[in-house]
Amino acid sequence: MKLPILAFITCLLAVQQSQLAAKNEKAAPAQESEIKPPFNLMWNESSERLEAKIKAAKLGIIERRLVEGRDALTVTGFRKPDAKDPKAPKPPELKRVIFYSSEQQLVEVELQYEQEGWTEEDYGKCLGEKRRLLERLYGPSQQLVRNTAPTPDGQATQTLVGYKWNKNNVAVEIIYFAAAAREPDQIYRTLSLHYKLQTAPK
């Protein structure tokens, strides 16, 4: 009679292991198959349609310029973090967004975050959190840069740390930039996210 009991126990353990494996697979977030631009936009979206969406969102275009042959719109007016408002975005503040278009079609979106009073440690923690989030979405990252060096004029020291993800001719980069002058109170820091369409429209 021992053999049937042993077989029953073995079968029961196999079922438990199968259920545990299925639970783990369900808990693990699925990676995204493509990198989409933020704000529910679409790659190659027309400049006319983009500006209509900016206006509808009650945001302001503060600058229009040409950058490396592409039209760039700098937009501000995004909701600021507010500790008293649970619905407000968390720090750091989304200071501005730059939309790049080539041949009147969207090819890049750059989000620039800054937070008054934040230290290098605060930005480093935020960079780590956003990097882990992007790795859950798009897989392992590629390090772009990590260095600290004097500026060309020698008047300040700049730090750059960056990571990149690629999927189907689209990239997303996260970059921390800091420039500190000789005077300790003259420090500029920003954290930026760059969503890039690698293949320009025909």
Foldseek 3Di string as FASTA:
>chain_A
DVVVVVVVVVVVVVVVVVVVVVVVVVPQDDAAQDDADPPPDHFFPFLVVVVVVCVVVVWDFPDWDADPNKIKTKIADDFCDDPVDPPGDDDFGQGIKIFTAHPRTTFKIKTKTDHPPDDPVNVVVVVVVVQVVNCSHANDKAWDDFDWDADPVNQWIKTKTKIKGDHDQKMKMKMWIKIAGPPRVDIDIIIMIMIGRRDHDD
